[in-house]
Structures are given as structure tokens and as C-alpha cells.
N, C-alpha and C. Protein backbone atom coordinates (compact mmCIF):
# COMPACT_ATOMS: atom_id res chain seq x y z
N MET A 1 -13.46 104.28 -80.67
CA MET A 1 -13.97 103.74 -79.23
C MET A 1 -12.25 103.72 -78.71
N PRO A 2 -12.32 104.58 -77.19
CA PRO A 2 -11.27 104.96 -76.47
C PRO A 2 -10.73 103.41 -75.99
N SER A 3 -9.11 103.39 -75.48
CA SER A 3 -8.65 102.74 -74.80
C SER A 3 -9.17 102.11 -73.65
N LYS A 4 -9.51 101.21 -72.93
CA LYS A 4 -9.45 100.93 -71.79
C LYS A 4 -9.12 102.38 -70.88
N GLN A 5 -7.72 103.00 -70.61
CA GLN A 5 -7.16 103.40 -69.75
C GLN A 5 -7.75 105.01 -70.01
N VAL A 6 -8.58 105.60 -71.60
CA VAL A 6 -9.06 106.81 -71.40
C VAL A 6 -10.28 106.20 -71.39
N LEU A 7 -11.09 105.91 -71.36
CA LEU A 7 -12.57 105.73 -71.01
C LEU A 7 -12.33 105.05 -69.34
N GLY A 8 -11.53 104.73 -68.96
CA GLY A 8 -11.38 104.68 -67.39
C GLY A 8 -10.85 106.46 -66.74
N ASP A 9 -10.42 106.76 -67.02
CA ASP A 9 -9.96 108.02 -67.22
C ASP A 9 -10.99 109.14 -67.17
N ARG A 10 -12.09 109.13 -68.01
CA ARG A 10 -13.17 109.56 -68.44
C ARG A 10 -14.73 109.59 -67.28
N ILE A 11 -14.70 108.56 -67.10
CA ILE A 11 -15.09 107.81 -66.17
C ILE A 11 -14.93 108.62 -64.48
N LYS A 12 -13.55 108.42 -63.95
CA LYS A 12 -13.26 109.06 -63.14
C LYS A 12 -13.53 110.52 -63.22
N ARG A 13 -12.77 111.19 -64.10
CA ARG A 13 -13.10 112.32 -63.82
C ARG A 13 -13.95 112.80 -63.89
N PHE A 14 -14.89 112.31 -64.96
CA PHE A 14 -16.76 112.76 -64.97
C PHE A 14 -17.08 112.26 -63.32
N ARG A 15 -17.33 111.56 -62.55
CA ARG A 15 -16.78 111.10 -61.17
C ARG A 15 -16.90 112.24 -60.08
N LEU A 16 -15.80 112.69 -60.39
CA LEU A 16 -15.06 113.56 -59.21
C LEU A 16 -15.27 115.15 -59.68
N GLN A 17 -15.50 115.16 -60.89
CA GLN A 17 -16.08 116.55 -60.77
C GLN A 17 -18.00 116.37 -59.91
N ARG A 18 -18.10 114.96 -59.95
CA ARG A 18 -19.75 115.41 -59.38
C ARG A 18 -19.17 115.13 -57.90
N ASN A 19 -18.14 114.93 -57.47
CA ASN A 19 -17.98 114.38 -55.71
C ASN A 19 -18.45 113.60 -55.22
N LEU A 20 -18.73 112.38 -56.10
CA LEU A 20 -18.70 111.23 -55.74
C LEU A 20 -17.56 110.20 -55.43
N THR A 21 -18.32 108.99 -54.54
CA THR A 21 -17.06 108.81 -54.26
C THR A 21 -17.68 107.38 -54.84
N LEU A 22 -16.11 106.01 -54.40
CA LEU A 22 -16.89 104.86 -55.71
C LEU A 22 -17.74 104.30 -55.07
N LYS A 23 -18.30 104.63 -53.58
CA LYS A 23 -19.04 103.52 -52.64
C LYS A 23 -20.77 104.16 -53.10
N GLU A 24 -20.71 105.38 -53.20
CA GLU A 24 -22.02 106.07 -54.27
C GLU A 24 -21.94 105.80 -55.30
N VAL A 25 -21.21 105.75 -56.14
CA VAL A 25 -21.67 105.13 -57.47
C VAL A 25 -21.93 103.85 -57.74
N GLU A 26 -21.35 103.04 -56.71
CA GLU A 26 -21.79 101.46 -56.24
C GLU A 26 -22.84 101.41 -55.97
N LEU A 27 -23.10 102.23 -54.79
CA LEU A 27 -24.61 102.46 -54.64
C LEU A 27 -25.92 102.21 -55.85
N LYS A 28 -25.75 103.27 -56.45
CA LYS A 28 -26.21 104.08 -57.52
C LYS A 28 -26.51 103.35 -58.71
N ALA A 29 -25.28 102.63 -59.08
CA ALA A 29 -25.21 102.00 -60.08
C ALA A 29 -25.64 100.21 -60.27
N LYS A 30 -25.32 99.77 -58.75
CA LYS A 30 -25.88 98.23 -57.84
C LYS A 30 -24.25 98.09 -58.66
N VAL A 31 -23.10 98.10 -59.33
CA VAL A 31 -22.40 97.73 -59.82
C VAL A 31 -20.89 97.69 -58.61
N SER A 32 -20.16 97.14 -57.90
CA SER A 32 -19.30 97.15 -56.80
C SER A 32 -17.99 98.37 -57.37
N ALA A 33 -17.78 99.01 -56.48
CA ALA A 33 -16.85 99.57 -56.07
C ALA A 33 -15.64 99.42 -56.64
N THR A 34 -15.27 98.18 -56.15
CA THR A 34 -13.87 97.67 -57.00
C THR A 34 -13.86 97.33 -57.85
N HIS A 35 -15.20 97.09 -58.29
CA HIS A 35 -15.37 96.75 -60.16
C HIS A 35 -15.05 98.33 -60.74
N VAL A 36 -15.29 99.34 -60.76
CA VAL A 36 -15.53 100.31 -61.33
C VAL A 36 -13.89 100.95 -61.09
N SER A 37 -13.66 101.01 -59.78
CA SER A 37 -11.85 101.30 -59.60
C SER A 37 -11.48 100.62 -60.33
N GLU A 38 -11.32 99.25 -61.02
CA GLU A 38 -10.24 98.43 -62.03
C GLU A 38 -11.29 99.21 -63.24
N ILE A 39 -12.00 99.71 -63.84
CA ILE A 39 -12.93 100.02 -65.01
C ILE A 39 -12.00 101.89 -64.72
N GLU A 40 -11.60 102.42 -63.76
CA GLU A 40 -10.89 103.45 -63.72
C GLU A 40 -9.98 103.50 -64.14
N ARG A 41 -8.63 102.94 -63.40
CA ARG A 41 -7.65 102.24 -63.30
C ARG A 41 -7.04 101.87 -64.67
N GLY A 42 -8.10 101.42 -66.07
CA GLY A 42 -7.87 100.75 -66.64
C GLY A 42 -7.68 99.40 -67.11
N MET A 43 -7.63 98.34 -65.84
CA MET A 43 -7.40 97.34 -65.67
C MET A 43 -8.15 96.13 -66.37
N THR A 44 -9.51 96.45 -66.72
CA THR A 44 -10.44 96.28 -67.48
C THR A 44 -11.86 97.02 -67.98
N SER A 45 -12.01 96.39 -68.96
CA SER A 45 -13.02 96.90 -69.51
C SER A 45 -14.58 96.98 -69.29
N PRO A 46 -15.56 97.74 -68.90
CA PRO A 46 -16.88 97.71 -68.48
C PRO A 46 -17.69 96.80 -69.24
N THR A 47 -18.17 95.95 -69.55
CA THR A 47 -19.21 95.86 -70.37
C THR A 47 -20.91 96.93 -69.97
N VAL A 48 -21.28 96.28 -71.51
CA VAL A 48 -21.85 97.35 -71.89
C VAL A 48 -23.47 97.53 -70.71
N GLY A 49 -23.37 96.81 -70.25
CA GLY A 49 -24.95 96.66 -69.07
C GLY A 49 -23.37 97.54 -67.75
N ALA A 50 -22.13 97.12 -67.43
CA ALA A 50 -22.21 98.16 -66.45
C ALA A 50 -22.07 99.55 -66.80
N LEU A 51 -21.49 99.78 -67.93
CA LEU A 51 -20.84 101.25 -68.88
C LEU A 51 -22.53 101.77 -68.32
N ALA A 52 -23.65 101.42 -68.82
CA ALA A 52 -24.86 102.21 -68.61
C ALA A 52 -25.51 102.14 -67.60
N LYS A 53 -24.66 101.23 -66.57
CA LYS A 53 -25.76 101.44 -65.69
C LYS A 53 -24.18 102.50 -64.39
N ILE A 54 -23.20 102.37 -64.78
CA ILE A 54 -22.04 103.59 -64.32
C ILE A 54 -22.54 105.13 -64.51
N ALA A 55 -22.98 105.06 -65.96
CA ALA A 55 -22.92 106.15 -66.61
C ALA A 55 -24.51 106.71 -66.20
N ARG A 56 -25.21 106.20 -66.10
CA ARG A 56 -27.67 106.83 -65.28
C ARG A 56 -26.22 106.97 -64.09
N ALA A 57 -26.09 106.40 -63.02
CA ALA A 57 -25.36 106.62 -61.48
C ALA A 57 -24.55 107.93 -61.91
N LEU A 58 -24.10 108.30 -62.74
CA LEU A 58 -23.16 109.76 -63.12
C LEU A 58 -24.13 110.56 -63.60
N GLY A 59 -25.14 110.56 -64.13
CA GLY A 59 -26.14 111.07 -64.59
C GLY A 59 -25.58 111.98 -66.23
N THR A 60 -24.91 110.78 -67.28
CA THR A 60 -24.96 110.74 -68.49
C THR A 60 -25.42 109.75 -68.97
N GLU A 61 -25.00 110.21 -70.48
CA GLU A 61 -25.56 108.80 -71.25
C GLU A 61 -23.70 108.03 -71.75
N PRO A 62 -24.00 106.95 -71.32
CA PRO A 62 -22.83 105.91 -72.03
C PRO A 62 -22.66 106.24 -73.30
N SER A 63 -22.69 106.92 -74.06
CA SER A 63 -21.98 107.39 -75.60
C SER A 63 -21.06 108.50 -75.11
N TYR A 64 -20.93 109.20 -73.92
CA TYR A 64 -20.51 110.39 -73.54
C TYR A 64 -18.79 109.72 -73.23
N PHE A 65 -18.98 108.69 -72.87
CA PHE A 65 -17.67 108.07 -72.46
C PHE A 65 -17.11 106.84 -73.45
N LEU A 66 -18.13 106.76 -74.55
CA LEU A 66 -17.30 106.45 -75.97
C LEU A 66 -16.82 107.26 -77.06
N GLN A 67 -17.11 108.35 -77.27
CA GLN A 67 -17.38 109.37 -77.90
C GLN A 67 -15.79 109.93 -77.79
N ASN A 68 -14.92 109.54 -79.60
CA ASN A 68 -13.25 110.28 -79.44
C ASN A 68 -13.28 111.58 -78.90
N ASN A 69 -13.97 112.17 -78.65
CA ASN A 69 -14.20 114.19 -78.29
C ASN A 69 -14.94 114.05 -77.22
N ALA A 70 -15.09 113.86 -76.06
CA ALA A 70 -16.32 113.71 -75.46
C ALA A 70 -17.37 114.86 -75.61
N TYR A 71 -16.63 116.15 -75.36
CA TYR A 71 -17.30 117.18 -75.91
C TYR A 71 -16.86 117.89 -76.46
N PRO A 72 -17.65 118.99 -77.11
CA PRO A 72 -16.61 120.12 -78.13
C PRO A 72 -15.94 120.93 -76.91
N ARG A 73 -15.42 122.03 -77.83
CA ARG A 73 -14.56 122.99 -76.75
C ARG A 73 -15.82 124.50 -76.83
N VAL A 74 -16.83 124.30 -77.38
CA VAL A 74 -17.64 125.26 -77.83
C VAL A 74 -18.92 124.38 -77.89
N CYS A 75 -20.13 125.11 -77.61
CA CYS A 75 -21.38 124.90 -77.61
C CYS A 75 -21.92 125.53 -78.36
N VAL A 76 -22.87 125.43 -79.44
CA VAL A 76 -23.71 126.43 -79.75
C VAL A 76 -25.07 125.23 -79.88
N VAL A 77 -26.39 125.87 -78.84
CA VAL A 77 -27.42 125.13 -79.38
C VAL A 77 -28.24 126.39 -79.56
N ARG A 78 -28.73 125.92 -80.72
CA ARG A 78 -30.30 126.80 -80.86
C ARG A 78 -31.43 126.05 -80.44
N LYS A 79 -32.50 127.68 -80.47
CA LYS A 79 -33.30 127.00 -79.91
C LYS A 79 -33.94 126.44 -80.81
N SER A 80 -34.31 125.75 -81.86
CA SER A 80 -34.72 124.63 -82.40
C SER A 80 -33.93 123.50 -82.18
N GLY A 81 -33.03 123.35 -81.60
CA GLY A 81 -32.36 121.95 -81.54
C GLY A 81 -32.54 122.05 -79.90
N ARG A 82 -32.99 122.41 -78.87
CA ARG A 82 -32.49 122.45 -77.45
C ARG A 82 -33.46 121.17 -77.09
N ARG A 83 -32.66 120.43 -76.25
CA ARG A 83 -33.32 118.98 -75.39
C ARG A 83 -34.07 119.69 -74.83
N VAL A 84 -35.54 119.34 -74.82
CA VAL A 84 -36.38 119.19 -73.91
C VAL A 84 -36.69 118.04 -72.96
N LEU A 85 -36.79 118.55 -72.03
CA LEU A 85 -38.00 117.35 -70.87
C LEU A 85 -38.70 117.86 -69.65
N GLU A 86 -39.63 117.04 -69.75
CA GLU A 86 -40.94 117.11 -69.05
C GLU A 86 -40.89 116.55 -67.57
N TYR A 87 -41.29 117.02 -66.97
CA TYR A 87 -41.47 116.45 -65.40
C TYR A 87 -42.70 116.73 -64.74
N LYS A 88 -43.28 115.72 -65.51
CA LYS A 88 -45.09 116.20 -65.44
C LYS A 88 -45.30 115.74 -63.27
N ASN A 89 -45.00 114.69 -62.95
CA ASN A 89 -45.11 114.58 -61.25
C ASN A 89 -44.86 115.99 -60.82
N TRP A 90 -43.60 116.73 -60.79
CA TRP A 90 -43.61 118.12 -60.48
C TRP A 90 -44.02 119.65 -61.04
N GLY A 91 -44.52 118.91 -62.32
CA GLY A 91 -44.46 120.17 -62.98
C GLY A 91 -43.70 121.24 -63.56
N ALA A 92 -42.97 120.48 -64.35
CA ALA A 92 -41.62 121.33 -64.48
C ALA A 92 -41.57 120.65 -66.44
N LYS A 93 -41.53 121.43 -67.33
CA LYS A 93 -40.39 121.70 -68.05
C LYS A 93 -39.22 121.72 -68.48
N ILE A 94 -38.17 121.60 -68.92
CA ILE A 94 -36.49 121.73 -68.66
C ILE A 94 -35.86 122.11 -70.20
N ASN A 95 -35.48 122.84 -70.44
CA ASN A 95 -34.54 123.44 -71.39
C ASN A 95 -33.02 123.10 -71.76
N ARG A 96 -32.45 122.27 -71.73
CA ARG A 96 -30.65 122.50 -72.06
C ARG A 96 -30.71 123.50 -72.94
N LEU A 97 -29.79 124.38 -71.99
CA LEU A 97 -29.10 125.47 -73.18
C LEU A 97 -28.02 125.24 -73.39
N SER A 98 -27.25 123.97 -72.99
CA SER A 98 -26.04 123.86 -73.50
C SER A 98 -25.77 122.45 -73.75
N SER A 99 -25.18 121.67 -74.29
CA SER A 99 -25.53 120.26 -74.11
C SER A 99 -23.55 119.51 -73.47
N GLY A 100 -22.70 120.91 -73.23
CA GLY A 100 -21.79 120.91 -72.35
C GLY A 100 -20.72 121.14 -73.62
N ILE A 101 -19.19 121.41 -72.49
CA ILE A 101 -18.04 121.83 -73.60
C ILE A 101 -16.82 120.82 -72.89
N ASN A 102 -16.06 120.19 -73.39
CA ASN A 102 -15.17 119.61 -72.00
C ASN A 102 -14.34 120.05 -71.06
N ASP A 103 -14.56 119.18 -70.54
CA ASP A 103 -14.25 119.45 -69.03
C ASP A 103 -15.24 120.92 -68.35
N SER A 104 -16.41 120.54 -68.62
CA SER A 104 -17.19 121.66 -68.04
C SER A 104 -17.63 121.50 -66.93
N ARG A 105 -18.30 122.54 -66.10
CA ARG A 105 -18.47 122.94 -64.44
C ARG A 105 -19.56 123.47 -64.53
N MET A 106 -20.31 123.40 -65.11
CA MET A 106 -21.90 123.97 -64.93
C MET A 106 -22.52 123.29 -65.94
N SER A 107 -23.70 123.45 -65.69
CA SER A 107 -25.12 123.44 -65.96
C SER A 107 -25.74 124.57 -65.95
N PHE A 108 -26.39 124.30 -67.59
CA PHE A 108 -27.23 125.91 -67.72
C PHE A 108 -29.03 125.75 -68.68
N LEU A 109 -29.55 125.60 -67.38
CA LEU A 109 -31.27 125.53 -68.24
C LEU A 109 -31.52 126.16 -67.57
N GLU A 110 -33.31 126.63 -69.15
CA GLU A 110 -34.40 127.48 -68.58
C GLU A 110 -35.49 126.35 -68.07
N VAL A 111 -35.93 126.78 -66.76
CA VAL A 111 -37.16 125.78 -66.18
C VAL A 111 -38.24 125.85 -66.10
N GLU A 112 -39.59 125.54 -66.63
CA GLU A 112 -40.96 126.11 -66.77
C GLU A 112 -41.43 125.89 -65.47
N LEU A 113 -42.35 125.94 -64.96
CA LEU A 113 -42.82 125.40 -63.55
C LEU A 113 -44.15 126.06 -63.66
N GLU A 114 -45.39 124.98 -63.84
CA GLU A 114 -46.39 124.61 -63.62
C GLU A 114 -47.03 125.23 -62.88
N PRO A 115 -47.99 126.42 -62.31
CA PRO A 115 -48.83 126.92 -61.30
C PRO A 115 -49.17 126.17 -60.52
N GLY A 116 -49.06 126.74 -59.05
CA GLY A 116 -49.80 125.38 -57.79
C GLY A 116 -49.32 124.44 -57.99
N LEU A 117 -48.30 123.85 -58.68
CA LEU A 117 -47.52 122.45 -58.62
C LEU A 117 -46.24 122.71 -58.08
N THR A 118 -45.69 121.97 -56.87
CA THR A 118 -44.63 121.72 -56.09
C THR A 118 -44.07 119.61 -56.31
N HIS A 119 -43.02 119.92 -56.30
CA HIS A 119 -42.12 118.25 -56.19
C HIS A 119 -42.85 117.79 -55.23
N ASN A 120 -42.91 116.80 -54.90
CA ASN A 120 -43.52 116.17 -53.80
C ASN A 120 -42.86 114.45 -53.08
N MET A 121 -40.87 115.45 -53.50
CA MET A 121 -39.66 114.42 -52.76
C MET A 121 -39.61 115.27 -51.77
N GLU A 122 -38.66 114.77 -51.27
CA GLU A 122 -38.49 115.35 -50.15
C GLU A 122 -37.12 116.21 -50.94
N PRO A 123 -36.77 117.19 -49.84
CA PRO A 123 -35.94 118.20 -50.11
C PRO A 123 -34.67 117.52 -50.84
N LEU A 124 -34.11 118.37 -52.11
CA LEU A 124 -32.64 117.75 -52.44
C LEU A 124 -31.90 118.77 -51.41
N SER A 125 -31.07 117.76 -51.85
CA SER A 125 -29.30 118.07 -50.78
C SER A 125 -28.45 116.94 -52.01
N HIS A 126 -26.83 118.14 -52.44
CA HIS A 126 -26.26 117.22 -53.09
C HIS A 126 -25.08 118.00 -52.74
N THR A 127 -24.10 117.81 -53.56
CA THR A 127 -22.13 118.65 -53.71
C THR A 127 -22.84 119.90 -54.76
N GLY A 128 -22.19 120.78 -54.84
CA GLY A 128 -22.25 122.01 -55.23
C GLY A 128 -23.05 122.84 -54.90
N GLU A 129 -23.15 123.62 -56.09
CA GLU A 129 -24.08 125.04 -56.01
C GLU A 129 -24.91 125.15 -56.58
N GLU A 130 -25.93 126.25 -56.63
CA GLU A 130 -26.80 126.91 -57.84
C GLU A 130 -27.13 128.14 -57.75
N LEU A 131 -27.26 128.34 -58.73
CA LEU A 131 -28.19 130.15 -58.78
C LEU A 131 -29.52 129.71 -59.96
N ILE A 132 -30.29 130.42 -58.78
CA ILE A 132 -31.64 130.36 -59.41
C ILE A 132 -31.98 132.04 -60.33
N HIS A 133 -32.04 132.37 -60.97
CA HIS A 133 -32.85 133.56 -61.37
C HIS A 133 -34.10 133.40 -61.94
N ILE A 134 -35.04 134.32 -61.64
CA ILE A 134 -36.44 134.55 -61.96
C ILE A 134 -36.62 135.59 -63.32
N LEU A 135 -37.07 134.64 -64.36
CA LEU A 135 -36.93 135.09 -65.27
C LEU A 135 -38.64 135.59 -65.42
N LYS A 136 -39.15 134.95 -65.26
CA LYS A 136 -41.17 135.57 -64.89
C LYS A 136 -41.49 134.34 -63.90
N GLY A 137 -42.37 135.40 -63.33
CA GLY A 137 -42.99 134.29 -62.01
C GLY A 137 -43.18 134.72 -61.10
N VAL A 138 -43.62 134.12 -59.69
CA VAL A 138 -43.41 133.92 -58.53
C VAL A 138 -43.02 132.56 -57.93
N VAL A 139 -41.84 132.65 -57.56
CA VAL A 139 -41.17 131.25 -57.05
C VAL A 139 -40.72 130.70 -55.51
N GLU A 140 -41.37 130.06 -54.57
CA GLU A 140 -41.04 129.69 -53.39
C GLU A 140 -39.99 129.02 -53.36
N ILE A 141 -38.38 129.53 -52.73
CA ILE A 141 -37.49 128.85 -52.70
C ILE A 141 -37.16 128.11 -51.37
N ASN A 142 -37.18 127.24 -50.90
CA ASN A 142 -37.00 126.64 -49.27
C ASN A 142 -35.60 126.13 -49.56
N VAL A 143 -34.54 127.07 -49.24
CA VAL A 143 -33.12 126.55 -48.81
C VAL A 143 -33.08 126.46 -47.06
N ALA A 144 -32.29 125.34 -46.18
CA ALA A 144 -32.00 124.64 -45.14
C ALA A 144 -32.79 125.43 -43.87
N ASP A 145 -34.63 124.84 -44.49
CA ASP A 145 -35.38 125.78 -43.52
C ASP A 145 -35.76 127.50 -44.35
N ASN A 146 -35.30 127.79 -44.80
CA ASN A 146 -35.66 129.52 -45.13
C ASN A 146 -36.18 129.20 -46.44
N ARG A 147 -37.37 130.12 -46.09
CA ARG A 147 -38.18 130.84 -46.88
C ARG A 147 -37.99 131.75 -48.16
N HIS A 148 -37.71 131.53 -48.97
CA HIS A 148 -37.27 132.46 -49.96
C HIS A 148 -38.32 133.28 -51.11
N LEU A 149 -39.32 134.10 -51.03
CA LEU A 149 -40.04 134.74 -52.29
C LEU A 149 -39.58 135.07 -52.90
N LEU A 150 -39.64 134.78 -54.26
CA LEU A 150 -38.56 135.24 -55.32
C LEU A 150 -39.58 135.83 -56.57
N LYS A 151 -38.96 137.49 -57.34
CA LYS A 151 -40.20 137.87 -58.60
C LYS A 151 -39.43 137.98 -59.59
N GLU A 152 -40.15 137.89 -60.67
CA GLU A 152 -39.24 138.38 -61.41
C GLU A 152 -38.01 139.58 -61.49
N GLY A 153 -36.74 139.30 -62.46
CA GLY A 153 -35.72 139.88 -61.76
C GLY A 153 -34.68 138.98 -60.47
N ASP A 154 -35.42 138.50 -59.80
CA ASP A 154 -34.46 138.19 -58.22
C ASP A 154 -34.00 136.90 -58.30
N SER A 155 -32.71 136.59 -57.73
CA SER A 155 -31.85 135.63 -57.89
C SER A 155 -31.63 135.27 -56.65
N ILE A 156 -31.00 134.10 -56.54
CA ILE A 156 -30.71 133.17 -55.24
C ILE A 156 -29.23 132.18 -55.83
N HIS A 157 -28.82 131.91 -54.73
CA HIS A 157 -27.49 131.56 -54.74
C HIS A 157 -27.03 131.14 -53.62
N PHE A 158 -26.73 129.51 -53.40
CA PHE A 158 -26.44 128.94 -52.47
C PHE A 158 -25.78 127.36 -53.09
N LYS A 159 -25.01 126.84 -51.87
CA LYS A 159 -24.41 125.62 -51.58
C LYS A 159 -25.48 124.38 -52.16
N SER A 160 -25.88 123.78 -52.57
CA SER A 160 -26.29 122.37 -52.89
C SER A 160 -26.51 121.39 -52.00
N LYS A 161 -25.48 121.80 -50.96
CA LYS A 161 -25.46 120.30 -50.07
C LYS A 161 -26.91 120.79 -48.83
N GLU A 162 -27.27 122.04 -49.02
CA GLU A 162 -28.64 122.50 -48.06
C GLU A 162 -29.43 122.21 -48.29
N PRO A 163 -30.66 121.42 -47.74
CA PRO A 163 -31.65 120.57 -48.26
C PRO A 163 -32.33 122.02 -48.96
N HIS A 164 -32.77 121.57 -50.07
CA HIS A 164 -33.60 122.80 -50.79
C HIS A 164 -34.84 122.03 -51.66
N THR A 165 -36.44 122.90 -52.09
CA THR A 165 -37.31 123.12 -52.55
C THR A 165 -37.16 123.89 -52.98
N ILE A 166 -38.09 123.57 -54.59
CA ILE A 166 -38.90 125.31 -54.65
C ILE A 166 -40.32 124.58 -55.88
N ARG A 167 -40.98 126.12 -55.93
CA ARG A 167 -42.45 125.61 -56.56
C ARG A 167 -43.30 127.02 -56.98
N ASN A 168 -43.90 126.72 -57.71
CA ASN A 168 -44.45 127.93 -58.59
C ASN A 168 -45.32 128.34 -57.60
N ILE A 169 -45.60 129.52 -56.87
CA ILE A 169 -46.73 129.98 -55.81
C ILE A 169 -47.27 131.17 -57.13
N GLY A 170 -46.87 131.01 -58.18
CA GLY A 170 -48.36 132.21 -58.70
C GLY A 170 -49.26 132.00 -59.88
N ASP A 171 -49.98 132.59 -59.73
CA ASP A 171 -51.26 132.37 -61.07
C ASP A 171 -50.77 131.90 -62.51
N GLY A 172 -49.73 132.32 -63.18
CA GLY A 172 -49.47 131.48 -64.10
C GLY A 172 -48.10 130.81 -64.11
N HIS A 173 -47.42 130.16 -65.05
CA HIS A 173 -45.93 129.95 -65.29
C HIS A 173 -45.01 130.64 -64.95
N ALA A 174 -44.31 129.90 -64.82
CA ALA A 174 -42.84 130.81 -63.90
C ALA A 174 -41.89 130.17 -65.12
N ARG A 175 -40.87 131.28 -64.99
CA ARG A 175 -39.22 130.76 -65.61
C ARG A 175 -38.10 130.86 -65.34
N ILE A 176 -37.43 130.44 -64.87
CA ILE A 176 -36.40 130.10 -64.21
C ILE A 176 -35.49 130.07 -64.99
N LEU A 177 -33.74 130.82 -64.83
CA LEU A 177 -32.95 130.77 -65.76
C LEU A 177 -32.17 129.61 -64.25
N TRP A 178 -31.86 128.38 -64.76
CA TRP A 178 -31.19 127.40 -63.29
C TRP A 178 -29.63 127.16 -64.10
N VAL A 179 -28.60 127.64 -63.25
CA VAL A 179 -26.67 127.43 -63.73
C VAL A 179 -27.08 126.37 -62.24
N ALA A 180 -26.23 125.43 -62.54
CA ALA A 180 -25.45 124.28 -61.40
C ALA A 180 -24.26 124.08 -61.80
N SER A 181 -23.54 123.76 -60.49
CA SER A 181 -21.94 123.53 -60.60
C SER A 181 -22.08 122.30 -59.45
N PRO A 182 -21.50 121.38 -59.56
CA PRO A 182 -20.75 120.66 -60.89
C PRO A 182 -21.92 120.44 -61.35
N PRO A 183 -22.03 119.67 -63.11
CA PRO A 183 -23.05 119.97 -64.19
C PRO A 183 -23.64 119.03 -63.76
N PHE A 184 -24.98 118.58 -63.96
CA PHE A 184 -25.55 117.73 -64.39
C PHE A 184 -26.20 117.41 -65.75
N TYR A 185 -26.39 115.62 -66.19
CA TYR A 185 -27.21 116.00 -67.13
C TYR A 185 -28.09 115.18 -67.48
N LEU A 186 -29.27 115.51 -68.17
CA LEU A 186 -30.58 115.01 -67.91
C LEU A 186 -31.11 114.82 -70.05
């Protein structure tokens, strides 16, 4: 298990990579910004519960911060070993193409979208940037109230702070390659 200082440094580095303030973590984690700051500075150790809340707020697992080597220098993910998550509420299956490397600045995902479904959320808006490349199908991506119709082989790259939505408008499943920076972990 890492020392208080190493644990705090990992949490702070991870938070800063996501361009989150202490106050934003406080709101998401329901752990005071003062306590998170004390943890990051190595002044105190978090309880298991606080660490779990902070990790969830940052989009990762608590184990990330506790491992001796948080991530390897090289990551190989075999097709049979991919982590796959299904989000039925907006008809998406997400395959992680990489589980990450030390100080990673990107996420690589392959996303399959069911036809005709869209997420019923407000447009997403967050720090960073995204590149979406259409591998199969027809997808509509709205970025800052501008509609973009993308077909197989097309790509779009945009700042994630612009409100954006995505939906499959084709008759069959759509597959996309999604690269995001800073990385987010599912």
C-alpha cells in the first residue's frame, strides 16, 4: 500500500488531469474540499468510504490509487479480455480498447450504438476534447447546436466543453471509435 503522500499525489494528479477543482470533487463525491485537499497533501489518510467516493467522483476505481504501480508503461488488451459495458438506457455497448498506461492522457473506446435510440440526457459538456470516427453506420452528432451527419469513414474532432449529443440514425447498429482526452474510466 502506498504512503499517505504517494496516495495523495496520485489523487491530485488524477484530479488535475481531468481539470477538476477541489470544489467540483466535493460536489460529486460528497467529501469536503478541505478533506480532499488534506488527503492530496498527505496530511491524512482517507477512510475506505472516502476513497471510494473520491475515486467514483474522478471516474475510476479505488484500487487505481492503492496499487504499487497504478498503470503499466505499456498496455496490451486482447479482444477476449476487453472490458465491455452496456448502457441500455441509451442503447450503447462500450468496449475499452486500453485499460490505460502511466500518466495516460487519452481513452480509447469502441462503441456500438443500437439503431434509432438516443440518450435522453441533456447534452454533455466537460473538459477536454474528443475524436469520433465512424467505423460502421450513420450517426448524428450535435455539437454546440450544430448538427453533423457522419457516415462510415467520417470523423469529427471537437472540444468537449461544447454541449454535445450523439445518436444512431441508421437502420442497423453503428460502430464508432471514440478517443477522449483527458481519459475517463468506465
